[in-house]
Protein backbone atom coordinates (compact mmCIF):
# COMPACT_ATOMS: atom_id res chain seq x y z
CA MET A 1 56.23 66.20 221.67
CA ARG A 2 57.81 63.16 220.13
CA LYS A 3 61.25 63.80 218.66
CA LEU A 4 62.06 62.96 215.08
CA PRO A 5 64.54 60.09 214.66
CA ASN A 6 68.10 61.29 214.24
CA LEU A 7 70.12 60.91 211.08
CA ARG A 8 71.74 57.68 212.19
CA SER A 9 68.36 56.11 212.96
CA ARG A 10 67.02 57.13 209.55
CA LYS A 11 70.02 55.59 207.83
CA THR A 12 69.58 52.39 209.84
CA LEU A 13 65.89 52.22 208.90
CA GLN A 14 66.76 52.86 205.25
CA LYS A 15 69.31 50.04 205.25
CA ALA A 16 66.85 47.70 206.97
CA ALA A 17 64.13 48.56 204.43
CA GLY A 18 66.56 47.98 201.57
CA ILE A 19 67.63 44.58 202.92
CA ALA A 20 63.96 43.62 203.42
CA VAL A 21 63.16 44.52 199.79
CA VAL A 22 66.06 42.43 198.48
CA LEU A 23 65.16 39.41 200.65
CA VAL A 24 61.49 39.52 199.74
CA SER A 25 62.32 39.88 196.07
CA PHE A 26 64.83 37.06 195.76
CA VAL A 27 63.62 34.67 198.44
CA PHE A 28 59.85 34.92 198.07
CA VAL A 29 58.66 36.71 194.90
CA LEU A 30 60.91 35.50 192.10
CA PRO A 31 60.93 31.81 193.22
CA ARG A 32 57.12 31.81 193.07
CA LEU A 33 57.38 32.71 189.37
CA ALA A 34 60.11 30.21 188.51
CA ASP A 35 62.24 27.78 190.47
CA TYR A 36 65.89 28.83 190.45
CA GLY A 37 66.86 25.35 189.30
CA GLU A 38 64.64 25.79 186.25
CA VAL A 39 66.11 29.23 185.67
CA TRP A 40 69.63 27.80 185.73
CA ARG A 41 68.65 25.13 183.23
CA GLU A 42 67.46 27.90 180.88
CA VAL A 43 70.77 29.72 181.23
CA LYS A 44 72.73 26.52 180.49
CA THR A 45 70.99 26.29 177.11
CA LEU A 46 73.00 29.25 175.84
CA ASP A 47 75.40 28.20 173.09
CA ALA A 48 78.77 29.71 172.14
CA ARG A 49 77.23 32.08 169.61
CA SER A 50 74.74 33.41 172.17
CA LEU A 51 77.46 33.85 174.77
CA ALA A 52 79.65 35.73 172.26
CA LEU A 53 76.71 38.05 171.36
CA LEU A 54 76.01 38.69 175.05
CA GLY A 55 79.69 39.45 175.65
CA LEU A 56 79.74 41.88 172.73
CA VAL A 57 76.68 43.89 173.80
CA THR A 58 78.06 43.97 177.39
CA LEU A 59 81.35 45.45 176.12
CA ILE A 60 79.50 48.01 174.02
CA ASN A 61 77.43 49.02 177.03
CA LEU A 62 80.59 49.46 179.15
CA ALA A 63 82.20 51.56 176.41
CA THR A 64 79.25 54.00 176.39
CA PHE A 65 79.82 55.05 180.01
CA ALA A 66 82.66 57.40 179.08
CA PRO A 67 81.48 59.62 176.18
CA PRO A 68 78.97 61.79 178.14
CA TRP A 69 81.71 62.80 180.54
CA MET A 70 84.11 63.41 177.67
CA ALA A 71 81.51 65.75 176.14
CA THR A 72 81.07 67.76 179.36
CA LEU A 73 84.65 67.85 180.58
CA PRO A 74 86.93 68.99 177.72
CA GLY A 75 90.38 67.36 177.90
CA LEU A 76 89.14 64.25 179.68
CA GLY A 77 90.22 61.28 177.56
CA PHE A 78 88.33 58.05 177.10
CA TRP A 79 90.36 55.99 179.57
CA ARG A 80 90.12 58.49 182.45
CA ALA A 81 86.38 58.94 181.77
CA PHE A 82 85.98 55.15 181.68
CA VAL A 83 87.81 54.65 185.00
CA SER A 84 85.84 57.46 186.66
CA THR A 85 82.43 56.29 185.52
CA GLN A 86 83.07 52.63 186.29
CA ALA A 87 84.29 53.50 189.79
CA SER A 88 81.45 55.91 190.52
CA THR A 89 78.78 53.54 189.21
CA ALA A 90 80.26 50.66 191.20
CA SER A 91 79.95 52.76 194.33
CA THR A 92 76.19 53.12 193.80
CA TYR A 93 75.86 49.30 193.93
CA ILE A 94 77.75 49.14 197.21
CA ALA A 95 76.38 52.07 199.21
CA PRO A 96 72.79 53.26 199.51
CA GLY A 97 72.09 56.79 198.33
CA GLY A 98 71.69 56.36 194.57
CA ALA A 99 73.18 58.85 192.16
CA ALA A 100 74.51 61.12 194.91
CA VAL A 101 77.05 58.48 195.93
CA GLY A 102 78.23 58.06 192.36
CA ILE A 103 78.59 61.80 191.82
CA ALA A 104 80.65 62.16 194.98
CA ALA A 105 82.95 59.34 193.87
CA SER A 106 83.43 60.95 190.46
CA LEU A 107 84.31 64.28 192.03
CA VAL A 108 86.83 62.70 194.34
CA LEU A 109 88.61 60.91 191.51
CA LEU A 110 88.59 63.95 189.19
CA ARG A 111 89.92 66.19 191.94
CA LYS A 112 92.68 63.66 192.67
CA TRP A 113 93.65 63.77 189.02
CA GLY A 114 93.95 67.55 188.98
CA TYR A 115 90.60 68.74 187.65
CA ARG A 116 89.05 71.73 189.30
CA THR A 117 85.95 71.22 191.39
CA SER A 118 83.95 73.71 189.32
CA ALA A 119 84.64 71.85 186.06
CA ALA A 120 83.97 68.42 187.58
CA ALA A 121 80.79 69.65 189.24
CA LEU A 122 79.54 71.09 185.96
CA ALA A 123 80.20 67.78 184.17
CA ALA A 124 78.45 65.86 186.94
CA ALA A 125 75.47 68.21 186.86
CA LEU A 126 75.00 68.08 183.10
CA THR A 127 75.45 64.31 182.73
CA GLY A 128 73.02 63.84 185.62
CA ILE A 129 70.44 66.20 184.10
CA TRP A 130 70.69 64.55 180.68
CA ASN A 131 70.32 61.07 182.21
CA GLN A 132 67.24 62.20 184.16
CA LEU A 133 65.71 63.74 181.04
CA ALA A 134 66.26 60.44 179.23
CA ALA A 135 64.74 58.53 182.15
CA LEU A 136 61.64 60.75 182.01
CA GLY A 137 61.45 60.79 178.21
CA PHE A 138 61.66 57.06 177.58
CA PRO A 139 58.42 56.07 179.40
CA ALA A 140 56.54 58.78 177.52
CA LEU A 141 57.96 57.53 174.23
CA ALA A 142 57.17 53.95 175.16
CA LEU A 143 53.60 54.92 175.96
CA GLY A 144 53.23 56.46 172.50
CA LEU A 145 54.78 53.44 170.75
CA LEU A 146 52.68 50.97 172.74
CA THR A 147 49.53 52.94 171.91
CA LEU A 148 50.40 52.98 168.22
CA THR A 149 50.90 49.21 168.19
CA GLY A 150 47.64 48.53 169.94
CA GLY A 151 49.03 47.75 173.39
CA HIS A 152 47.56 48.92 176.67
CA ASN A 153 48.89 48.92 180.20
CA PRO A 154 47.23 51.11 182.88
CA LEU A 155 50.39 51.52 185.02
CA LEU A 156 52.52 52.38 182.02
CA LYS A 157 49.90 54.85 180.83
CA THR A 158 49.85 56.61 184.22
CA VAL A 159 53.62 56.68 184.69
CA GLY A 160 54.15 57.63 181.04
CA LEU A 161 51.85 60.63 181.36
CA PHE A 162 53.53 61.79 184.60
CA ALA A 163 56.93 61.25 183.01
CA LEU A 164 55.91 63.31 180.00
CA ILE A 165 54.75 66.15 182.24
CA GLY A 166 57.97 65.95 184.23
CA PHE A 167 60.03 65.89 181.04
CA VAL A 168 58.34 69.02 179.64
CA VAL A 169 58.50 70.90 182.91
CA SER A 170 62.18 70.02 183.33
CA ILE A 171 63.01 71.21 179.84
CA VAL A 172 61.14 74.51 180.38
CA VAL A 173 62.73 75.19 183.79
CA PHE A 174 66.19 74.36 182.57
CA ALA A 175 65.82 76.49 179.43
CA CYS A 176 64.51 79.46 181.49
CA ALA A 177 67.41 79.14 183.95
CA LEU A 178 69.89 79.24 181.10
CA ALA A 179 68.18 82.09 179.31
CA SER A 180 68.02 84.55 182.22
CA THR A 181 70.81 85.82 184.41
CA ARG A 182 68.22 87.50 186.58
CA LEU A 183 66.38 84.21 187.17
CA ALA A 184 69.65 82.43 187.91
CA ARG A 185 70.55 85.08 190.50
CA ALA A 186 67.12 84.81 192.10
CA VAL A 187 67.39 81.02 192.27
CA GLY A 188 70.90 81.41 193.71
CA LYS A 189 69.66 83.68 196.50
CA ARG A 190 66.91 81.26 197.48
CA ALA A 191 69.30 78.32 197.32
CA LEU A 192 71.82 80.20 199.48
CA ARG A 193 69.18 80.91 202.15
CA ALA A 194 68.15 77.25 202.16
CA ALA A 195 71.79 76.11 202.34
CA GLN A 196 72.52 78.51 205.21
CA TRP A 197 69.48 77.27 207.13
CA LEU A 198 70.51 73.64 206.63
CA ALA A 199 74.11 74.42 207.66
CA HIS A 200 72.87 76.08 210.84
CA ALA A 201 70.46 73.24 211.62
CA ALA A 202 73.22 70.69 211.11
CA ARG A 203 75.68 72.81 213.10
CA ARG A 204 78.07 72.88 210.13
CA SER A 205 80.44 75.63 209.01
CA GLN A 206 79.07 78.50 206.99
CA VAL A 207 78.26 78.05 203.29
CA ARG A 208 81.21 79.03 201.12
CA TRP A 209 79.35 80.13 198.03
CA ASP A 210 76.88 82.85 197.20
CA ALA A 211 74.25 83.74 194.60
CA GLU A 212 76.87 84.87 192.11
CA THR A 213 78.27 81.32 192.12
CA ILE A 214 74.99 80.14 190.59
CA VAL A 215 75.18 82.94 187.98
CA GLN A 216 78.74 81.92 187.06
CA PHE A 217 77.68 78.29 186.93
CA ARG A 218 74.88 79.24 184.58
CA GLU A 219 77.30 81.11 182.29
CA ARG A 220 79.70 78.13 182.11
CA THR A 221 76.80 75.80 181.46
CA ALA A 222 75.44 77.92 178.62
CA THR A 223 78.90 78.23 177.04
CA LEU A 224 79.54 74.49 177.22
CA LEU A 225 76.12 73.47 175.93
CA ALA A 226 76.29 75.91 173.02
CA ARG A 227 79.24 73.88 171.73
CA ARG A 228 78.51 70.35 172.92
CA TRP A 229 74.80 69.81 173.61
CA HIS A 230 74.35 67.61 170.54
CA VAL A 231 77.38 65.45 171.45
CA LEU A 232 76.12 65.13 175.03
CA THR A 233 72.64 64.21 173.83
CA LEU A 234 73.85 61.52 171.40
CA ALA A 235 76.28 60.09 173.95
CA THR A 236 73.55 59.95 176.62
CA LEU A 237 71.07 58.25 174.27
CA ALA A 238 73.73 55.73 173.19
CA GLY A 239 74.57 54.94 176.78
CA GLN A 240 70.96 54.54 177.91
CA LEU A 241 69.82 52.53 174.92
CA SER A 242 72.85 50.20 175.06
CA VAL A 243 71.47 49.02 178.43
CA PHE A 244 68.17 48.18 176.74
CA VAL A 245 70.03 46.29 174.04
CA VAL A 246 71.58 44.09 176.70
CA LEU A 247 68.10 43.28 178.06
CA LEU A 248 66.70 42.59 174.61
CA THR A 249 69.65 40.33 173.74
CA CYS A 250 69.13 38.39 177.02
CA LEU A 251 65.45 37.91 176.18
CA ARG A 252 66.01 36.72 172.66
CA THR A 253 68.95 34.41 173.38
CA LEU A 254 66.98 32.76 176.18
CA GLY A 255 63.97 32.07 173.97
CA VAL A 256 61.58 34.95 174.72
CA THR A 257 60.48 35.58 171.15
CA GLY A 258 58.98 38.66 169.55
CA SER A 259 55.59 36.98 169.44
CA GLU A 260 55.66 36.64 173.25
CA VAL A 261 57.20 40.02 174.11
CA SER A 262 57.58 42.46 171.24
CA LEU A 263 60.38 45.01 170.92
CA VAL A 264 57.99 47.80 171.92
CA GLU A 265 56.71 45.89 174.94
CA ALA A 266 60.22 45.10 176.10
CA PHE A 267 61.17 48.78 175.73
CA ALA A 268 58.04 49.85 177.60
CA ALA A 269 58.76 47.51 180.52
CA TRP A 270 62.42 48.49 180.61
CA SER A 271 61.81 52.26 180.46
CA LEU A 272 59.18 52.15 183.21
CA ILE A 273 61.19 50.02 185.63
CA ARG A 274 64.38 51.97 184.92
CA LEU A 275 62.58 55.10 186.10
CA LEU A 276 61.07 53.45 189.19
CA GLY A 277 64.37 51.68 189.94
CA SER A 278 66.19 55.03 190.17
CA LEU A 279 64.53 55.59 193.58
CA PRO A 280 67.35 55.18 196.13
CA LEU A 281 65.71 52.50 198.28
CA THR A 282 68.24 49.79 197.44
CA PRO A 283 71.66 50.19 195.79
CA GLY A 284 71.20 50.02 192.04
CA GLY A 285 67.50 49.28 192.50
CA ILE A 286 68.39 45.66 193.35
CA GLY A 287 65.21 43.67 193.99
CA ILE A 288 62.91 46.39 192.71
CA VAL A 289 64.12 46.15 189.13
CA GLU A 290 64.17 42.34 189.02
CA VAL A 291 60.63 41.93 190.35
CA GLY A 292 59.12 44.82 188.44
CA LEU A 293 60.73 43.99 185.11
CA THR A 294 59.83 40.29 185.43
CA GLY A 295 56.25 41.16 186.28
CA PHE A 296 55.81 43.37 183.20
CA LEU A 297 57.48 40.99 180.79
CA VAL A 298 55.47 38.02 182.06
CA GLY A 299 52.33 40.16 181.91
CA PHE A 300 53.07 40.93 178.24
CA GLY A 301 53.24 37.19 177.47
CA GLY A 302 56.71 35.91 178.29
CA SER A 303 57.27 32.45 179.80
CA ASP A 304 57.97 32.62 183.52
CA ALA A 305 61.27 30.68 183.66
CA GLU A 306 62.64 32.26 180.48
CA VAL A 307 61.80 35.77 181.60
CA VAL A 308 63.27 35.32 185.09
CA ALA A 309 66.43 33.85 183.56
CA ALA A 310 66.69 36.73 181.07
CA VAL A 311 66.13 39.40 183.71
CA LEU A 312 68.67 37.93 186.14
CA LEU A 313 71.20 37.52 183.35
CA TYR A 314 70.59 41.12 182.21
CA ARG A 315 71.15 42.40 185.73
CA PHE A 316 74.28 40.32 186.09
CA LEU A 317 75.74 41.68 182.85
CA THR A 318 74.90 45.30 183.68
CA ILE A 319 76.07 45.24 187.30
CA VAL A 320 78.84 42.71 187.92
CA PRO A 321 81.30 43.79 185.18
CA THR A 322 81.03 47.41 186.33
CA LEU A 323 81.28 46.43 189.98
CA VAL A 324 84.48 44.44 189.32
CA LEU A 325 86.02 46.98 186.95
CA GLY A 326 85.06 49.98 189.08
CA ALA A 327 86.43 48.54 192.29
CA THR A 328 89.66 47.43 190.61
CA LEU A 329 90.36 50.46 188.46
CA GLY A 330 89.27 53.01 191.06
CA ALA A 331 91.71 51.52 193.59
CA THR A 332 94.69 50.88 191.33
CA TYR A 333 94.65 53.39 188.47
CA ARG A 334 97.23 56.12 188.80
CA PRO A 335 97.21 58.52 185.83
CA ARG A 336 100.18 60.71 185.08
CA THR A 337 99.76 64.16 186.59
CA SER A 338 99.14 67.09 184.34
CA SER A 339 99.45 70.82 184.86
CA VAL A 340 96.26 71.36 182.87
CA THR A 341 93.15 71.73 185.02
CA PRO A 342 90.25 72.34 182.61
CA GLU A 343 87.65 74.72 183.84
CA GLY A 344 85.04 73.51 181.41
């Protein structure tokens, strides 16, 4: 019987696949749509007013990283939340693994600063859940808006319907888990058995939590959400939509008008590709997002060179500032120690 590849081999294959996707996207696919020289000429047409507007929406987007964590981790100020989220997000652009890498980086920083693991884990779980709900909800919303405005896209329709089903199922499961201690304990027991099996298979030490840990987690979650669910929801929506505003600003400042790609069409393309780009094939969805977003926007009516320029500029403004800030702040920031360790 043929043996399954070991973990190292799978990681090597994943890295190779990711590199292949990036190379194919930037070396073969995008240049077929627009020559990079032509794209650069489009970027050079930006005047001082456009550059100032782009800088403003980029700063607003960066500022929206912190509030969701401030809502889920009481006592965490804006600056600490900003440093943590910039550093954790930057790590997702460097290492493959998607959101898991960012969550691990956040937990490391918060633990270093004196926050208890339970409180930091709760904040990470809730911000992650709310972000995923937004990622599932936006394509469904976009499908409805596109239908109302007379638009039609088979792929968006399919993904939008699946996203809507996923959104509803996620809401129901999450609500049931919060509403029932008995269900939480049952889930905890099954999760414990699975974790013990995985620990044994990986020849790791025994699992250090039990089913009651899940019950306690559920109680802390319910208590926190009862007070802050609306703040978390608004902060999450602001953070997600500020990213779309950056894209829309890039499109409009580079000459992709509303008659070519409407507001609804731009939102539909962005929401769909944002969901597909969350798959951890390449760090930050690099290559996948650029090709997919360009394809949709050109399909809706945008000019090839202008759309490619706008998409590449959008990706630059939403990745590079965070990459630079995250790497710098994560390595150099040393907050004053505090005896307070919020439990959340």
